[in-house]
Protein backbone atom coordinates (compact mmCIF):
# COMPACT_ATOMS: atom_id res chain seq x y z
CA MET A 1 7.45 -14.13 7.51
CA ARG A 2 9.08 -11.76 4.95
CA VAL A 3 12.20 -9.77 6.02
CA ALA A 4 14.24 -7.38 4.14
CA PHE A 5 17.84 -6.40 4.79
CA VAL A 6 18.78 -2.68 3.86
CA GLY A 7 21.71 -0.39 4.54
CA LYS A 8 24.33 1.66 2.70
CA GLY A 9 26.67 -0.06 0.29
CA GLY A 10 29.31 -1.84 2.25
CA SER A 11 27.34 -2.03 5.57
CA GLY A 12 27.34 -5.90 5.39
CA LYS A 13 23.62 -6.22 4.69
CA THR A 14 24.33 -9.16 2.17
CA THR A 15 26.44 -10.97 4.68
CA MET A 16 23.67 -10.28 7.36
CA SER A 17 21.06 -11.63 4.90
CA ALA A 18 23.13 -14.75 4.19
CA LEU A 19 23.88 -15.39 8.06
CA PHE A 20 20.24 -14.83 8.90
CA ALA A 21 19.02 -17.21 6.16
CA ARG A 22 21.42 -20.02 7.30
CA HIS A 23 20.50 -19.42 10.91
CA VAL A 24 16.72 -19.81 10.33
CA ALA A 25 17.31 -22.76 8.09
CA SER A 26 19.37 -24.49 10.76
CA GLN A 27 16.37 -24.16 12.97
CA GLY A 28 14.37 -26.30 10.64
CA GLY A 29 12.28 -23.51 8.87
CA PRO A 30 11.74 -23.53 5.11
CA VAL A 31 13.85 -20.55 3.89
CA VAL A 32 14.03 -18.73 0.45
CA ALA A 33 16.58 -16.03 0.03
CA MET A 34 16.24 -13.49 -2.73
CA ASP A 35 18.91 -11.34 -4.16
CA ALA A 36 17.37 -8.03 -5.05
CA ASP A 37 20.64 -6.02 -4.86
CA ILE A 38 22.19 -4.57 -8.25
CA ASN A 39 25.49 -6.10 -6.86
CA GLN A 40 24.85 -9.91 -6.97
CA HIS A 41 26.81 -11.36 -4.08
CA LEU A 42 24.34 -13.32 -2.11
CA ALA A 43 25.00 -16.54 -3.96
CA LEU A 44 28.69 -16.44 -2.97
CA VAL A 45 28.10 -15.71 0.75
CA LEU A 46 25.55 -18.65 0.71
CA GLY A 47 28.28 -20.86 -0.51
CA LEU A 48 27.40 -21.22 -4.23
CA ASP A 49 29.95 -21.19 -6.90
CA ARG A 50 27.52 -20.02 -9.58
CA GLN A 51 24.62 -17.65 -9.81
CA PRO A 52 20.88 -18.63 -10.15
CA GLU A 53 19.29 -18.06 -13.59
CA PRO A 54 18.28 -14.30 -13.41
CA LEU A 55 14.52 -13.64 -12.75
CA GLY A 56 14.77 -10.45 -14.69
CA ALA A 57 15.40 -12.33 -17.91
CA HIS A 58 12.01 -14.23 -17.43
CA LEU A 59 9.70 -11.44 -16.61
CA THR A 60 7.19 -12.31 -19.32
CA GLU A 61 7.21 -15.98 -18.17
CA ILE A 62 6.77 -14.97 -14.55
CA LYS A 63 3.83 -12.58 -15.34
CA ASP A 64 1.98 -15.36 -17.43
CA ARG A 65 2.43 -17.79 -14.55
CA LEU A 66 1.03 -15.43 -12.02
CA ARG A 67 -1.80 -13.93 -13.91
CA GLY A 68 -3.40 -17.41 -14.21
CA ASP A 69 -7.13 -17.15 -15.12
CA ASN A 70 -7.49 -13.61 -13.69
CA PRO A 71 -9.96 -11.99 -16.17
CA ARG A 72 -8.69 -8.52 -15.22
CA ILE A 73 -5.33 -9.27 -16.74
CA PRO A 74 -5.67 -10.63 -20.16
CA SER A 75 -2.03 -10.81 -21.09
CA ALA A 76 1.49 -10.41 -19.70
CA GLU A 77 1.92 -7.11 -21.71
CA VAL A 78 -0.52 -5.37 -19.47
CA MET A 79 0.98 -6.72 -16.28
CA VAL A 80 3.51 -4.39 -14.50
CA LYS A 81 5.69 -4.74 -11.32
CA THR A 82 2.85 -3.40 -8.96
CA THR A 83 0.08 -5.61 -10.60
CA PRO A 84 -1.87 -7.18 -7.51
CA PRO A 85 -3.37 -10.56 -7.48
CA GLY A 86 -7.05 -11.04 -7.83
CA ARG A 87 -9.60 -13.88 -8.11
CA GLY A 88 -7.97 -16.30 -10.72
CA SER A 89 -4.45 -15.25 -10.08
CA ARG A 90 -2.03 -17.93 -9.14
CA LEU A 91 -1.00 -17.53 -5.66
CA LEU A 92 2.46 -19.04 -4.42
CA SER A 93 3.70 -20.58 -1.25
CA VAL A 94 7.13 -20.44 0.14
CA ALA A 95 7.42 -24.20 -1.15
CA ASP A 96 6.55 -22.87 -4.62
CA LEU A 97 9.32 -20.30 -4.52
CA ALA A 98 11.78 -22.86 -3.37
CA ALA A 99 10.78 -25.14 -6.36
CA ASP A 100 10.85 -22.37 -8.75
CA PRO A 101 12.74 -23.53 -11.93
CA TYR A 102 15.30 -20.60 -11.36
CA ALA A 103 15.97 -21.29 -7.75
CA LEU A 104 19.22 -23.03 -6.42
CA ALA A 105 19.49 -24.85 -3.31
CA THR A 106 22.48 -23.80 -1.23
CA PRO A 107 24.57 -25.97 0.90
CA GLU A 108 23.04 -25.07 4.25
CA GLY A 109 19.42 -25.26 3.22
CA PRO A 110 18.06 -21.94 1.98
CA HIS A 111 17.01 -21.87 -1.62
CA LEU A 112 18.13 -18.76 -3.58
CA LEU A 113 16.36 -16.67 -6.14
CA ALA A 114 18.10 -13.64 -7.80
CA THR A 115 17.07 -10.80 -10.02
CA GLY A 116 20.15 -10.95 -11.99
CA PRO A 117 22.72 -8.24 -12.79
CA PHE A 118 22.60 -5.62 -15.67
CA SER A 119 23.27 -7.26 -19.07
CA GLU A 120 25.15 -5.59 -21.94
CA ASP A 121 21.91 -4.65 -23.55
CA ASP A 122 20.67 -2.85 -20.46
CA LEU A 123 23.70 -0.44 -19.97
CA GLY A 124 22.66 3.14 -20.64
CA VAL A 125 18.92 2.34 -21.44
CA ALA A 126 17.30 0.37 -18.55
CA CYS A 127 16.62 0.98 -14.91
CA TYR A 128 17.54 -1.65 -12.39
CA HIS A 129 14.12 -1.62 -10.92
CA SER A 130 12.72 -3.28 -14.06
CA LYS A 131 14.67 -6.42 -12.74
CA VAL A 132 13.53 -5.94 -9.22
CA GLY A 133 9.99 -5.96 -10.46
CA ALA A 134 10.14 -9.74 -10.62
CA VAL A 135 10.71 -9.89 -6.87
CA GLU A 136 7.84 -7.44 -6.12
CA LEU A 137 5.49 -9.53 -8.35
CA LEU A 138 6.52 -12.75 -6.50
CA LEU A 139 5.84 -11.17 -3.25
CA ASN A 140 2.66 -9.67 -4.15
CA HIS A 141 1.47 -13.19 -5.01
CA LEU A 142 3.00 -14.99 -1.91
CA VAL A 143 0.87 -16.47 0.76
CA ASP A 144 3.48 -17.38 3.44
CA GLY A 145 2.55 -19.35 6.56
CA PRO A 146 3.77 -19.77 10.14
CA GLY A 147 7.28 -20.92 10.42
CA GLU A 148 8.15 -20.00 6.74
CA TYR A 149 10.64 -17.26 5.85
CA VAL A 150 11.50 -15.26 2.77
CA VAL A 151 14.86 -13.10 3.22
CA VAL A 152 15.58 -10.34 0.79
CA ASP A 153 18.82 -8.62 0.23
CA MET A 154 17.79 -5.17 -0.99
CA THR A 155 19.41 -2.50 -3.17
CA ALA A 156 21.80 -0.15 -1.22
CA GLY A 157 20.69 2.97 0.53
CA ALA A 158 17.57 4.68 0.10
CA ASP A 159 17.10 3.47 -3.62
CA SER A 160 14.88 0.71 -2.31
CA PHE A 161 12.09 3.45 -2.13
CA ALA A 162 11.99 3.72 -5.99
CA SER A 163 9.12 1.23 -6.01
CA GLY A 164 6.54 -0.32 -3.62
CA LEU A 165 8.80 -3.20 -2.78
CA PHE A 166 9.71 -1.79 0.57
CA THR A 167 6.17 -2.32 1.77
CA ARG A 168 6.19 -6.06 1.12
CA PHE A 169 7.70 -7.22 4.29
CA ASP A 170 6.73 -8.05 7.83
CA LEU A 171 9.85 -6.47 9.19
CA THR A 172 12.95 -4.50 7.59
CA PHE A 173 16.35 -4.91 9.42
CA LEU A 174 18.53 -1.92 8.62
CA VAL A 175 22.22 -2.83 8.87
CA ALA A 176 24.12 0.19 10.16
CA GLU A 177 27.86 0.41 10.74
CA PRO A 178 28.84 2.72 13.70
CA THR A 179 29.64 5.66 11.37
CA ARG A 180 27.96 8.94 10.42
CA GLN A 181 27.50 7.58 6.90
CA GLY A 182 25.88 4.33 8.37
CA VAL A 183 23.42 6.09 10.45
CA SER A 184 22.57 8.64 7.74
CA VAL A 185 20.91 6.05 5.72
CA TYR A 186 18.86 4.95 8.86
CA ARG A 187 17.52 8.58 9.11
CA GLN A 188 16.30 8.31 5.55
CA TYR A 189 14.81 4.96 5.91
CA ARG A 190 13.10 5.83 9.29
CA ASP A 191 11.40 8.90 7.70
CA TYR A 192 10.11 7.18 4.58
CA ALA A 193 9.07 3.99 6.44
CA ALA A 194 7.14 5.79 9.10
CA GLN A 195 4.82 7.14 6.33
CA TYR A 196 3.68 3.61 5.48
CA GLY A 197 3.68 1.77 8.77
CA VAL A 198 6.71 -0.15 7.60
CA ALA A 199 8.30 -1.84 10.74
CA LEU A 200 11.94 -1.06 11.00
CA ALA A 201 14.72 -2.16 13.49
CA VAL A 202 18.49 -1.39 13.38
CA VAL A 203 21.17 -3.95 13.50
CA GLY A 204 24.54 -2.67 14.32
CA ASN A 205 27.41 -4.36 12.34
CA LYS A 206 31.19 -4.45 12.62
CA VAL A 207 30.98 -3.37 16.16
CA HIS A 208 34.47 -3.16 17.85
CA GLY A 209 33.67 -2.18 21.43
CA GLU A 210 31.30 -0.29 23.81
CA SER A 211 32.00 3.06 22.29
CA ASP A 212 30.61 1.84 18.89
CA VAL A 213 27.43 0.64 20.77
CA GLU A 214 27.10 3.88 22.42
CA PHE A 215 27.45 5.72 19.14
CA LEU A 216 24.60 3.72 17.46
CA ARG A 217 22.48 4.12 20.65
CA GLU A 218 23.03 8.03 20.31
CA HIS A 219 21.91 8.08 16.73
CA VAL A 220 19.15 5.53 16.36
CA GLY A 221 17.76 5.32 19.88
CA ASP A 222 15.35 2.65 20.67
CA ASP A 223 15.50 1.45 16.99
CA LEU A 224 18.77 -0.41 17.84
CA LEU A 225 17.73 -4.05 18.23
CA THR A 226 21.04 -5.83 18.59
CA TRP A 227 24.39 -5.66 17.12
CA MET A 228 27.09 -8.08 15.43
CA GLU A 229 30.68 -7.82 16.80
CA HIS A 230 33.54 -7.70 14.29
CA SER A 231 34.15 -11.20 13.33
CA SER A 232 37.36 -12.90 11.86
CA VAL A 233 35.17 -15.88 10.98
CA VAL A 234 32.84 -13.78 8.87
CA ARG A 235 35.77 -11.96 7.31
CA ALA A 236 37.35 -15.39 6.38
CA MET A 237 33.92 -16.41 4.81
CA GLU A 238 33.78 -13.12 2.94
CA GLN A 239 37.27 -14.00 1.58
CA GLY A 240 35.98 -17.33 0.37
CA ARG A 241 37.40 -19.63 3.01
CA HIS A 242 35.20 -22.42 4.47
CA PHE A 243 32.61 -21.27 6.92
CA ALA A 244 29.99 -23.22 8.93
CA LEU A 245 27.33 -21.35 11.06
CA GLY A 246 28.77 -23.02 14.28
CA ASP A 247 32.03 -21.31 13.74
CA LEU A 248 30.40 -17.98 14.42
CA GLU A 249 31.17 -16.41 17.75
CA ALA A 250 28.56 -16.99 20.50
CA VAL A 251 27.65 -13.35 20.88
CA ASN A 252 27.03 -13.00 17.22
CA LEU A 253 24.90 -16.30 17.15
CA ASP A 254 23.02 -14.69 20.05
CA ALA A 255 22.32 -11.55 17.85
CA LEU A 256 20.89 -13.82 15.04
CA THR A 257 18.61 -15.46 17.60
CA VAL A 258 17.37 -12.02 18.63
CA LEU A 259 16.62 -11.15 15.00
CA ARG A 260 14.61 -14.37 14.45
CA LYS A 261 12.66 -13.82 17.67
CA THR A 262 11.76 -10.27 16.86
CA LEU A 263 10.60 -11.35 13.37
CA ASP A 264 8.52 -14.15 14.77
CA GLU A 265 6.92 -11.85 17.10
CA GLN A 266 5.79 -9.34 14.42
CA GLU A 267 2.28 -9.27 13.66
CA LYS A 268 1.12 -10.29 10.16
CA ASP A 269 -1.00 -7.60 8.85
CA TRP A 270 -2.62 -8.98 5.64
CA ALA A 271 -5.14 -5.96 5.40
CA ARG A 272 -2.19 -3.36 5.32
CA PHE A 273 -0.43 -5.48 2.71
CA GLY A 274 -3.56 -5.43 0.47
CA ARG A 275 -4.17 -1.62 1.05
CA GLN A 276 -0.62 -0.90 0.04
CA ALA A 277 -0.52 -3.23 -2.88
CA ALA A 278 -3.52 -1.29 -4.31
CA GLU A 279 -2.14 2.20 -3.42
CA PHE A 280 1.23 1.57 -5.17
CA HIS A 281 -0.45 -0.05 -8.09
CA LEU A 282 -2.78 2.99 -8.62
CA ARG A 283 0.13 5.36 -8.28
CA ASN A 284 2.22 3.51 -11.05
CA ALA A 285 -0.82 3.19 -13.20
CA ARG A 286 -1.40 6.90 -13.13
CA ALA A 287 2.25 8.00 -13.43
CA TRP A 288 3.39 5.91 -16.30
CA ALA A 289 2.01 2.35 -16.74
CA ASN A 290 -1.33 3.25 -18.28
CA GLU A 291 0.35 5.24 -21.01
CA ARG A 292 3.01 2.64 -21.51
CA THR A 293 0.73 -0.28 -21.84
CA GLY A 294 -2.15 1.56 -23.50
CA ALA A 295 -4.68 0.08 -20.96
CA ASP A 296 -6.34 1.38 -17.81
CA LEU A 297 -4.44 -0.53 -15.26
CA THR A 298 -6.48 0.70 -12.36
CA ALA A 299 -9.11 -1.75 -13.34
CA GLN A 300 -6.66 -4.72 -12.47
CA ILE A 301 -7.63 -4.17 -8.73
CA ASP A 302 -10.12 -6.78 -7.63
CA PRO A 303 -12.12 -5.13 -4.76
CA ASP A 304 -13.46 -8.46 -3.65
CA PHE A 305 -9.94 -10.22 -3.40
CA VAL A 306 -8.90 -10.97 0.14
CA TYR A 307 -5.09 -11.20 1.00
CA GLY A 308 -3.91 -13.92 3.16
CA PRO A 309 -4.56 -17.77 3.62
């Protein structure tokens, strides 16, 4: 299953991504975490003292690897972030992602891939979504099976909708603080996601009491799945002190269990995945990619390719 964590900046989505990845790994499932946020903090919260090699710096290599022998994609130069797989493309498993040359193993099991931050050459001339395109391409070519997990920490706010990446998941968890700013991002995400059948559930965070829970219920209704109470243990982890998942308060461990159960119960819809991959590729091809590459990228869609195992 693929799951995204989204929310406004400072909501705790990076921490929630890391806690969930650790929790799933502790249950024995293979887990790959991916940092697709412009602020690259997931490595730190997963207990690493260094960042993975940035995927955004190796886009051409990644494209060459994924296009394989697909005759519709003659070179990496005509492959863009939305290019879908076809017959001859190289498809990936979760094990392939974990073994990626740019992945790092973390102390508690998950493997981490990261898009990478802006470089000095990017400042003022590049869009961050050119780097996030590496994650979109990998997910487009991923065939994940039962009991396998990919956890993606997304860009903050509604900025995730600047590409088709938001449709590449089985479920999206929106992390919301019990504040007006926190729930405003929820409203944006709810309205955009509904147009594309994107499954969305809200996870309250930094909850201090029943009044916070009631506030979230009032503003997000039935979309409120569960919540994480304010945790001194999590704060210590964010400050760089030693943290083990077993140190987490029982109520917060229970919340992580609810997240996993909900994700496991989500229906895998490969047909929707394929339709939306084609839709966003056509949209990008006609809007800018055909002109930029000098090729008709709509021809990259293989009508006889079937998504899934």
